[in-house]
Amino acid sequence: PVWDDTFHAKDNAGATTRRFANIVWSTTPQEAKELMKLPEHEFILLMNDLLQSGPSIPPPLITDEFKQNIPRPIADAFHGLDMLSKSVNAALTMSGMTERKMGFKIPPLITDVVGRRFAFDLNLLHARNYIDSRVALVGDAAHTFHPMAGQGLNLGIADAECLVKHLKQAVESGMGVDGSAGLQYALQQYEAERQPEVLATMSGIQFLHGVFGTSVSPAIHARSVGMNVVNSVRPLRRKLAQIAAGVDGIR
């Protein structure tokens, strides 16, 4: 997507520049087919409509139909929980905005789309073993998963870095990598270090995929509160950002 960004220089003269971004749209296979069929102008209208709508409001914890079929005290209790959840969400949202000294910023209007749209199935795959005799799997050869957190490249780079580290250690220790013993030891160290880290990351991302894909109202409320807690607690937010950037590990 492309949008126009107007900014003011020191002389207050307005200048417009084109900005570019990538969008990863995770959806159902049926909706993906419909999105691929849309003419470009309709696709742009739909993206702007979704981006400009702002944060969504969680649905009621229980439907009116269900509420009519349960005792009044229980219905009132659910209503109270509903109001409490919304109040907590609102308070956390305001707290996060105050802490960051900025409010909700409406995304810019998309004016154009450059390049093709692509659609592909999401698969969760993980190799049972990363190594064999004189062979090491790294990146997508060892693991593939949902792209929602943008971790595929980060994990692949971390794999390569870890493999080089252990090969270098084998050489510097005098074992070398020409013979089978030194090389196999380095490969085993690589697998022992990377496999638990990757599995932990994959489990976390798969959990997020399930959380954001649910339509169950209580889960949506819990998700909203959880995301607002992350947004409001700076150390937690920083830790998650470091993990996502590959600066720090999960373990």
C-alpha atoms as a PDB file:
ATOM      1  CA  PRO A   1       0.000   0.000   0.000  1.00  0.00           C
ATOM      2  CA  VAL A   2       1.008   3.578  -0.716  1.00  0.00           C
ATOM      3  CA  TRP A   3      -0.073   6.780   1.010  1.00  0.00           C
ATOM      4  CA  ASP A   4       0.811  10.458   0.825  1.00  0.00           C
ATOM      5  CA  ASP A   5       2.432  12.011   3.875  1.00  0.00           C
ATOM      6  CA  THR A   6       2.445  15.809   4.216  1.00  0.00           C
ATOM      7  CA  PHE A   7       4.942  17.378   6.587  1.00  0.00           C
ATOM      8  CA  HIS A   8       6.054  20.938   7.279  1.00  0.00           C
ATOM      9  CA  ALA A   9       9.632  22.102   6.986  1.00  0.00           C
ATOM     10  CA  LYS A  10      11.170  24.857   9.106  1.00  0.00           C
ATOM     11  CA  ASP A  11       9.817  27.487   6.733  1.00  0.00           C
ATOM     12  CA  ASN A  12       6.318  25.946   7.249  1.00  0.00           C
ATOM     13  CA  ALA A  13       6.144  25.067   3.554  1.00  0.00           C
ATOM     14  CA  GLY A  14       4.115  21.887   3.141  1.00  0.00           C
ATOM     15  CA  ALA A  15       5.837  19.010   1.359  1.00  0.00           C
ATOM     16  CA  THR A  16       4.269  15.732   0.308  1.00  0.00           C
ATOM     17  CA  THR A  17       6.120  12.462  -0.005  1.00  0.00           C
ATOM     18  CA  ARG A  18       4.931   8.958  -0.878  1.00  0.00           C
ATOM     19  CA  ARG A  19       5.190   6.333   1.834  1.00  0.00           C
ATOM     20  CA  PHE A  20       5.224   2.573   1.324  1.00  0.00           C
ATOM     21  CA  ALA A  21       4.445  -0.381   3.583  1.00  0.00           C
ATOM     22  CA  ASN A  22       3.694  -4.103   3.516  1.00  0.00           C
ATOM     23  CA  ILE A  23       0.510  -5.617   4.950  1.00  0.00           C
ATOM     24  CA  VAL A  24       0.170  -9.226   6.093  1.00  0.00           C
ATOM     25  CA  TRP A  25      -3.534 -10.072   6.158  1.00  0.00           C
ATOM     26  CA  SER A  26      -4.325 -13.288   8.018  1.00  0.00           C
ATOM     27  CA  THR A  27      -7.808 -14.596   7.238  1.00  0.00           C
ATOM     28  CA  THR A  28      -9.832 -17.644   6.262  1.00  0.00           C
ATOM     29  CA  PRO A  29      -9.184 -19.465   2.940  1.00  0.00           C
ATOM     30  CA  GLN A  30     -12.607 -18.414   1.621  1.00  0.00           C
ATOM     31  CA  GLU A  31     -12.115 -14.724   2.424  1.00  0.00           C
ATOM     32  CA  ALA A  32      -8.597 -14.874   0.965  1.00  0.00           C
ATOM     33  CA  LYS A  33     -10.069 -16.028  -2.358  1.00  0.00           C
ATOM     34  CA  GLU A  34     -12.553 -13.144  -2.311  1.00  0.00           C
ATOM     35  CA  LEU A  35      -9.826 -10.615  -1.494  1.00  0.00           C
ATOM     36  CA  MET A  36      -7.704 -11.868  -4.379  1.00  0.00           C
ATOM     37  CA  LYS A  37     -10.632 -11.382  -6.773  1.00  0.00           C
ATOM     38  CA  LEU A  38     -11.413  -7.787  -5.744  1.00  0.00           C
ATOM     39  CA  PRO A  39     -10.599  -5.014  -8.256  1.00  0.00           C
ATOM     40  CA  GLU A  40      -7.820  -2.767  -7.007  1.00  0.00           C
ATOM     41  CA  HIS A  41     -10.040   0.222  -6.198  1.00  0.00           C
ATOM     42  CA  GLU A  42     -12.416  -1.972  -4.136  1.00  0.00           C
ATOM     43  CA  PHE A  43      -9.454  -3.563  -2.358  1.00  0.00           C
ATOM     44  CA  ILE A  44      -8.118  -0.094  -1.414  1.00  0.00           C
ATOM     45  CA  LEU A  45     -11.559   0.978  -0.174  1.00  0.00           C
ATOM     46  CA  LEU A  46     -11.827  -2.134   1.988  1.00  0.00           C
ATOM     47  CA  MET A  47      -8.351  -1.668   3.509  1.00  0.00           C
ATOM     48  CA  ASN A  48      -9.082   1.971   4.323  1.00  0.00           C
ATOM     49  CA  ASP A  49     -12.433   1.077   5.840  1.00  0.00           C
ATOM     50  CA  LEU A  50     -10.817  -1.472   8.168  1.00  0.00           C
ATOM     51  CA  LEU A  51      -7.814   0.698   9.039  1.00  0.00           C
ATOM     52  CA  GLN A  52      -9.899   3.815   9.710  1.00  0.00           C
ATOM     53  CA  SER A  53     -12.455   2.056  11.899  1.00  0.00           C
ATOM     54  CA  GLY A  54     -10.141   2.211  14.931  1.00  0.00           C
ATOM     55  CA  PRO A  55      -9.900  -0.283  17.802  1.00  0.00           C
ATOM     56  CA  SER A  56     -12.774  -2.748  17.949  1.00  0.00           C
ATOM     57  CA  ILE A  57     -15.073  -2.986  20.972  1.00  0.00           C
ATOM     58  CA  PRO A  58     -15.347  -6.474  22.484  1.00  0.00           C
ATOM     59  CA  PRO A  59     -18.814  -8.022  22.140  1.00  0.00           C
ATOM     60  CA  PRO A  60     -20.967  -8.672  25.242  1.00  0.00           C
ATOM     61  CA  LEU A  61     -19.868 -11.634  27.360  1.00  0.00           C
ATOM     62  CA  ILE A  62     -23.229 -13.331  26.751  1.00  0.00           C
ATOM     63  CA  THR A  63     -25.906 -12.803  24.117  1.00  0.00           C
ATOM     64  CA  ASP A  64     -29.352 -11.374  24.931  1.00  0.00           C
ATOM     65  CA  GLU A  65     -30.921 -14.716  23.998  1.00  0.00           C
ATOM     66  CA  PHE A  66     -28.707 -16.603  26.454  1.00  0.00           C
ATOM     67  CA  LYS A  67     -29.331 -13.952  29.112  1.00  0.00           C
ATOM     68  CA  GLN A  68     -33.095 -14.543  28.924  1.00  0.00           C
ATOM     69  CA  ASN A  69     -32.640 -18.260  29.635  1.00  0.00           C
ATOM     70  CA  ILE A  70     -30.607 -17.970  32.835  1.00  0.00           C
ATOM     71  CA  PRO A  71     -31.567 -16.779  36.345  1.00  0.00           C
ATOM     72  CA  ARG A  72     -31.575 -13.013  36.837  1.00  0.00           C
ATOM     73  CA  PRO A  73     -28.761 -12.965  39.457  1.00  0.00           C
ATOM     74  CA  ILE A  74     -26.443 -14.852  37.083  1.00  0.00           C
ATOM     75  CA  ALA A  75     -27.362 -12.553  34.192  1.00  0.00           C
ATOM     76  CA  ASP A  76     -26.641  -9.536  36.403  1.00  0.00           C
ATOM     77  CA  ALA A  77     -23.295 -11.051  37.394  1.00  0.00           C
ATOM     78  CA  PHE A  78     -22.341 -11.469  33.722  1.00  0.00           C
ATOM     79  CA  HIS A  79     -23.404  -7.889  33.052  1.00  0.00           C
ATOM     80  CA  GLY A  80     -21.219  -6.706  35.932  1.00  0.00           C
ATOM     81  CA  LEU A  81     -18.238  -8.655  34.591  1.00  0.00           C
ATOM     82  CA  ASP A  82     -18.889  -7.156  31.156  1.00  0.00           C
ATOM     83  CA  MET A  83     -18.831  -3.623  32.539  1.00  0.00           C
ATOM     84  CA  LEU A  84     -15.736  -4.387  34.655  1.00  0.00           C
ATOM     85  CA  SER A  85     -13.876  -5.739  31.620  1.00  0.00           C
ATOM     86  CA  LYS A  86     -14.708  -2.641  29.563  1.00  0.00           C
ATOM     87  CA  SER A  87     -13.710  -0.327  32.429  1.00  0.00           C
ATOM     88  CA  VAL A  88     -10.377  -2.124  32.906  1.00  0.00           C
ATOM     89  CA  ASN A  89      -9.718  -1.975  29.165  1.00  0.00           C
ATOM     90  CA  ALA A  90     -10.515   1.736  29.022  1.00  0.00           C
ATOM     91  CA  ALA A  91      -8.328   2.476  32.057  1.00  0.00           C
ATOM     92  CA  LEU A  92      -5.393   0.485  30.672  1.00  0.00           C
ATOM     93  CA  THR A  93      -5.747   2.173  27.284  1.00  0.00           C
ATOM     94  CA  MET A  94      -5.670   5.633  28.839  1.00  0.00           C
ATOM     95  CA  SER A  95      -2.763   4.612  31.076  1.00  0.00           C
ATOM     96  CA  GLY A  96      -0.767   3.414  28.070  1.00  0.00           C
ATOM     97  CA  MET A  97      -1.455   6.618  26.159  1.00  0.00           C
ATOM     98  CA  THR A  98      -0.401   8.701  29.170  1.00  0.00           C
ATOM     99  CA  GLU A  99       2.788   6.685  29.701  1.00  0.00           C
ATOM    100  CA  ARG A 100       3.788   7.038  26.034  1.00  0.00           C
ATOM    101  CA  LYS A 101       2.518  10.653  25.916  1.00  0.00           C
ATOM    102  CA  MET A 102       0.582   9.997  22.747  1.00  0.00           C
ATOM    103  CA  GLY A 103      -2.975   9.109  21.865  1.00  0.00           C
ATOM    104  CA  PHE A 104      -4.425   6.784  19.270  1.00  0.00           C
ATOM    105  CA  LYS A 105      -3.188   7.770  15.831  1.00  0.00           C
ATOM    106  CA  ILE A 106      -5.529   7.058  12.939  1.00  0.00           C
ATOM    107  CA  PRO A 107      -3.668   5.308  10.097  1.00  0.00           C
ATOM    108  CA  PRO A 108      -3.222   7.301   6.869  1.00  0.00           C
ATOM    109  CA  LEU A 109      -5.494   6.810   3.877  1.00  0.00           C
ATOM    110  CA  ILE A 110      -4.109   4.366   1.333  1.00  0.00           C
ATOM    111  CA  THR A 111      -4.134   5.885  -2.152  1.00  0.00           C
ATOM    112  CA  ASP A 112      -2.569   3.140  -4.246  1.00  0.00           C
ATOM    113  CA  VAL A 113      -1.222  -0.409  -4.242  1.00  0.00           C
ATOM    114  CA  VAL A 114       2.145  -1.192  -5.801  1.00  0.00           C
ATOM    115  CA  GLY A 115       2.915  -4.753  -6.828  1.00  0.00           C
ATOM    116  CA  ARG A 116       0.834  -7.912  -6.802  1.00  0.00           C
ATOM    117  CA  ARG A 117      -1.239  -9.443  -4.068  1.00  0.00           C
ATOM    118  CA  PHE A 118      -0.148 -12.895  -2.938  1.00  0.00           C
ATOM    119  CA  ALA A 119      -2.073 -15.549  -1.020  1.00  0.00           C
ATOM    120  CA  PHE A 120      -0.614 -18.721   0.428  1.00  0.00           C
ATOM    121  CA  ASP A 121      -1.582 -21.373   2.950  1.00  0.00           C
ATOM    122  CA  LEU A 122      -0.231 -21.073   6.487  1.00  0.00           C
ATOM    123  CA  ASN A 123       1.574 -24.178   7.688  1.00  0.00           C
ATOM    124  CA  LEU A 124       3.183 -25.089  10.991  1.00  0.00           C
ATOM    125  CA  LEU A 125       6.136 -27.410  10.341  1.00  0.00           C
ATOM    126  CA  HIS A 126       9.101 -28.315  12.490  1.00  0.00           C
ATOM    127  CA  ALA A 127      11.927 -30.750  11.739  1.00  0.00           C
ATOM    128  CA  ARG A 128      12.383 -33.473  14.337  1.00  0.00           C
ATOM    129  CA  ASN A 129      16.167 -33.151  13.951  1.00  0.00           C
ATOM    130  CA  TYR A 130      18.165 -30.127  12.822  1.00  0.00           C
ATOM    131  CA  ILE A 131      21.338 -32.082  12.096  1.00  0.00           C
ATOM    132  CA  ASP A 132      22.658 -35.224  10.482  1.00  0.00           C
ATOM    133  CA  SER A 133      26.069 -36.352   9.325  1.00  0.00           C
ATOM    134  CA  ARG A 134      27.743 -33.181   7.985  1.00  0.00           C
ATOM    135  CA  VAL A 135      24.304 -31.563   7.529  1.00  0.00           C
ATOM    136  CA  ALA A 136      22.589 -28.731   9.452  1.00  0.00           C
ATOM    137  CA  LEU A 137      19.125 -27.303   8.819  1.00  0.00           C
ATOM    138  CA  VAL A 138      18.614 -23.572   9.370  1.00  0.00           C
ATOM    139  CA  GLY A 139      15.735 -21.163   8.812  1.00  0.00           C
ATOM    140  CA  ASP A 140      12.720 -22.381   6.847  1.00  0.00           C
ATOM    141  CA  ALA A 141      14.443 -25.701   6.201  1.00  0.00           C
ATOM    142  CA  ALA A 142      14.116 -26.415   9.933  1.00  0.00           C
ATOM    143  CA  HIS A 143      10.872 -24.616  10.839  1.00  0.00           C
ATOM    144  CA  THR A 144       7.984 -22.749   9.240  1.00  0.00           C
ATOM    145  CA  PHE A 145       5.024 -21.153  10.995  1.00  0.00           C
ATOM    146  CA  HIS A 146       2.486 -18.341  11.019  1.00  0.00           C
ATOM    147  CA  PRO A 147       4.012 -15.025   9.827  1.00  0.00           C
ATOM    148  CA  MET A 148       1.890 -12.853  12.154  1.00  0.00           C
ATOM    149  CA  ALA A 149       4.850 -11.988  14.389  1.00  0.00           C
ATOM    150  CA  GLY A 150       7.400 -11.621  11.577  1.00  0.00           C
ATOM    151  CA  GLN A 151       9.761 -14.062  13.284  1.00  0.00           C
ATOM    152  CA  GLY A 152      10.715 -16.311  10.349  1.00  0.00           C
ATOM    153  CA  LEU A 153      13.654 -14.184   9.229  1.00  0.00           C
ATOM    154  CA  ASN A 154      14.776 -13.413  12.792  1.00  0.00           C
ATOM    155  CA  LEU A 155      14.855 -17.091  13.735  1.00  0.00           C
ATOM    156  CA  GLY A 156      16.673 -17.999  10.516  1.00  0.00           C
ATOM    157  CA  ILE A 157      19.358 -15.376  11.174  1.00  0.00           C
ATOM    158  CA  ALA A 158      19.669 -16.583  14.778  1.00  0.00           C
ATOM    159  CA  ASP A 159      20.072 -20.178  13.500  1.00  0.00           C
ATOM    160  CA  ALA A 160      22.880 -19.160  11.155  1.00  0.00           C
ATOM    161  CA  GLU A 161      24.590 -17.082  13.845  1.00  0.00           C
ATOM    162  CA  CYS A 162      24.405 -19.948  16.350  1.00  0.00           C
ATOM    163  CA  LEU A 163      25.770 -22.476  13.845  1.00  0.00           C
ATOM    164  CA  VAL A 164      28.727 -20.231  12.945  1.00  0.00           C
ATOM    165  CA  LYS A 165      29.410 -19.628  16.652  1.00  0.00           C
ATOM    166  CA  HIS A 166      29.720 -23.334  17.445  1.00  0.00           C
ATOM    167  CA  LEU A 167      31.765 -24.111  14.313  1.00  0.00           C
ATOM    168  CA  LYS A 168      34.128 -21.297  15.272  1.00  0.00           C
ATOM    169  CA  GLN A 169      34.398 -22.604  18.840  1.00  0.00           C
ATOM    170  CA  ALA A 170      35.255 -26.066  17.524  1.00  0.00           C
ATOM    171  CA  VAL A 171      38.029 -24.626  15.361  1.00  0.00           C
ATOM    172  CA  GLU A 172      39.424 -22.360  18.095  1.00  0.00           C
ATOM    173  CA  SER A 173      39.395 -25.183  20.672  1.00  0.00           C
ATOM    174  CA  GLY A 174      41.622 -27.299  18.457  1.00  0.00           C
ATOM    175  CA  MET A 175      38.991 -29.962  17.633  1.00  0.00           C
ATOM    176  CA  GLY A 176      38.580 -28.544  14.136  1.00  0.00           C
ATOM    177  CA  VAL A 177      35.744 -29.338  11.742  1.00  0.00           C
ATOM    178  CA  ASP A 178      37.669 -31.379   9.190  1.00  0.00           C
ATOM    179  CA  GLY A 179      37.206 -34.581  11.138  1.00  0.00           C
ATOM    180  CA  SER A 180      33.846 -36.048  12.102  1.00  0.00           C
ATOM    181  CA  ALA A 181      34.239 -35.657  15.893  1.00  0.00           C
ATOM    182  CA  GLY A 182      34.745 -31.897  16.024  1.00  0.00           C
ATOM    183  CA  LEU A 183      32.129 -31.168  13.387  1.00  0.00           C
ATOM    184  CA  GLN A 184      29.548 -33.462  14.957  1.00  0.00           C
ATOM    185  CA  TYR A 185      30.108 -31.902  18.370  1.00  0.00           C
ATOM    186  CA  ALA A 186      29.563 -28.407  16.932  1.00  0.00           C
ATOM    187  CA  LEU A 187      26.370 -29.533  15.159  1.00  0.00           C
ATOM    188  CA  GLN A 188      25.039 -31.155  18.336  1.00  0.00           C
ATOM    189  CA  GLN A 189      25.681 -27.952  20.296  1.00  0.00           C
ATOM    190  CA  TYR A 190      23.855 -25.967  17.604  1.00  0.00           C
ATOM    191  CA  GLU A 191      20.810 -28.246  17.748  1.00  0.00           C
ATOM    192  CA  ALA A 192      20.769 -28.308  21.565  1.00  0.00           C
ATOM    193  CA  GLU A 193      20.784 -24.495  21.709  1.00  0.00           C
ATOM    194  CA  ARG A 194      18.416 -23.628  18.886  1.00  0.00           C
ATOM    195  CA  GLN A 195      15.709 -26.292  19.037  1.00  0.00           C
ATOM    196  CA  PRO A 196      14.282 -25.344  22.482  1.00  0.00           C
ATOM    197  CA  GLU A 197      14.381 -21.632  21.589  1.00  0.00           C
ATOM    198  CA  VAL A 198      12.576 -22.168  18.284  1.00  0.00           C
ATOM    199  CA  LEU A 199       9.971 -24.480  19.833  1.00  0.00           C
ATOM    200  CA  ALA A 200       9.243 -21.910  22.564  1.00  0.00           C
ATOM    201  CA  THR A 201       8.834 -19.161  19.953  1.00  0.00           C
ATOM    202  CA  MET A 202       6.633 -21.349  17.759  1.00  0.00           C
ATOM    203  CA  SER A 203       4.422 -22.268  20.712  1.00  0.00           C
ATOM    204  CA  GLY A 204       4.005 -18.617  21.661  1.00  0.00           C
ATOM    205  CA  ILE A 205       3.143 -17.561  18.110  1.00  0.00           C
ATOM    206  CA  GLN A 206       0.713 -20.441  17.672  1.00  0.00           C
ATOM    207  CA  PHE A 207      -0.938 -19.410  20.941  1.00  0.00           C
ATOM    208  CA  LEU A 208      -1.289 -15.829  19.664  1.00  0.00           C
ATOM    209  CA  HIS A 209      -2.709 -17.138  16.401  1.00  0.00           C
ATOM    210  CA  GLY A 210      -5.362 -19.060  18.327  1.00  0.00           C
ATOM    211  CA  VAL A 211      -6.113 -16.110  20.626  1.00  0.00           C
ATOM    212  CA  PHE A 212      -6.571 -13.637  17.767  1.00  0.00           C
ATOM    213  CA  GLY A 213      -8.514 -16.138  15.681  1.00  0.00           C
ATOM    214  CA  THR A 214     -11.154 -16.934  18.309  1.00  0.00           C
ATOM    215  CA  SER A 215     -14.704 -15.610  18.199  1.00  0.00           C
ATOM    216  CA  VAL A 216     -15.556 -16.676  21.769  1.00  0.00           C
ATOM    217  CA  SER A 217     -16.591 -13.536  23.654  1.00  0.00           C
ATOM    218  CA  PRO A 218     -14.855 -14.232  27.042  1.00  0.00           C
ATOM    219  CA  ALA A 219     -11.616 -15.006  25.183  1.00  0.00           C
ATOM    220  CA  ILE A 220     -11.930 -11.732  23.252  1.00  0.00           C
ATOM    221  CA  HIS A 221     -12.346  -9.798  26.518  1.00  0.00           C
ATOM    222  CA  ALA A 222      -9.319 -11.567  28.035  1.00  0.00           C
ATOM    223  CA  ARG A 223      -7.299 -10.865  24.885  1.00  0.00           C
ATOM    224  CA  SER A 224      -8.177  -7.167  24.977  1.00  0.00           C
ATOM    225  CA  VAL A 225      -7.195  -6.840  28.640  1.00  0.00           C
ATOM    226  CA  GLY A 226      -3.969  -8.766  28.018  1.00  0.00           C
ATOM    227  CA  MET A 227      -2.938  -6.610  25.054  1.00  0.00           C
ATOM    228  CA  ASN A 228      -3.679  -3.438  27.024  1.00  0.00           C
ATOM    229  CA  VAL A 229      -1.587  -4.716  29.942  1.00  0.00           C
ATOM    230  CA  VAL A 230       1.344  -5.282  27.555  1.00  0.00           C
ATOM    231  CA  ASN A 231       0.836  -1.800  26.111  1.00  0.00           C
ATOM    232  CA  SER A 232       0.750  -0.207  29.559  1.00  0.00           C
ATOM    233  CA  VAL A 233       3.684  -1.981  31.244  1.00  0.00           C
ATOM    234  CA  ARG A 234       6.890  -0.603  29.745  1.00  0.00           C
ATOM    235  CA  PRO A 235       9.327  -3.325  31.007  1.00  0.00           C
ATOM    236  CA  LEU A 236       7.056  -6.086  29.691  1.00  0.00           C
ATOM    237  CA  ARG A 237       6.582  -4.271  26.383  1.00  0.00           C
ATOM    238  CA  ARG A 238      10.345  -3.771  26.048  1.00  0.00           C
ATOM    239  CA  LYS A 239      11.059  -7.439  26.869  1.00  0.00           C
ATOM    240  CA  LEU A 240       8.611  -8.662  24.218  1.00  0.00           C
ATOM    241  CA  ALA A 241      10.076  -6.241  21.669  1.00  0.00           C
ATOM    242  CA  GLN A 242      13.582  -7.555  22.412  1.00  0.00           C
ATOM    243  CA  ILE A 243      12.404 -11.134  21.956  1.00  0.00           C
ATOM    244  CA  ALA A 244      10.663 -10.231  18.683  1.00  0.00           C
ATOM    245  CA  ALA A 245      13.805  -8.502  17.401  1.00  0.00           C
ATOM    246  CA  GLY A 246      15.965 -11.475  18.331  1.00  0.00           C
ATOM    247  CA  VAL A 247      17.958  -9.418  20.864  1.00  0.00           C
ATOM    248  CA  ASP A 248      16.890 -11.594  23.785  1.00  0.00           C
ATOM    249  CA  GLY A 249      15.744 -15.166  24.112  1.00  0.00           C
ATOM    250  CA  ILE A 250      12.520 -16.554  25.559  1.00  0.00           C
ATOM    251  CA  ARG A 251      14.185 -18.890  28.020  1.00  0.00           C
END
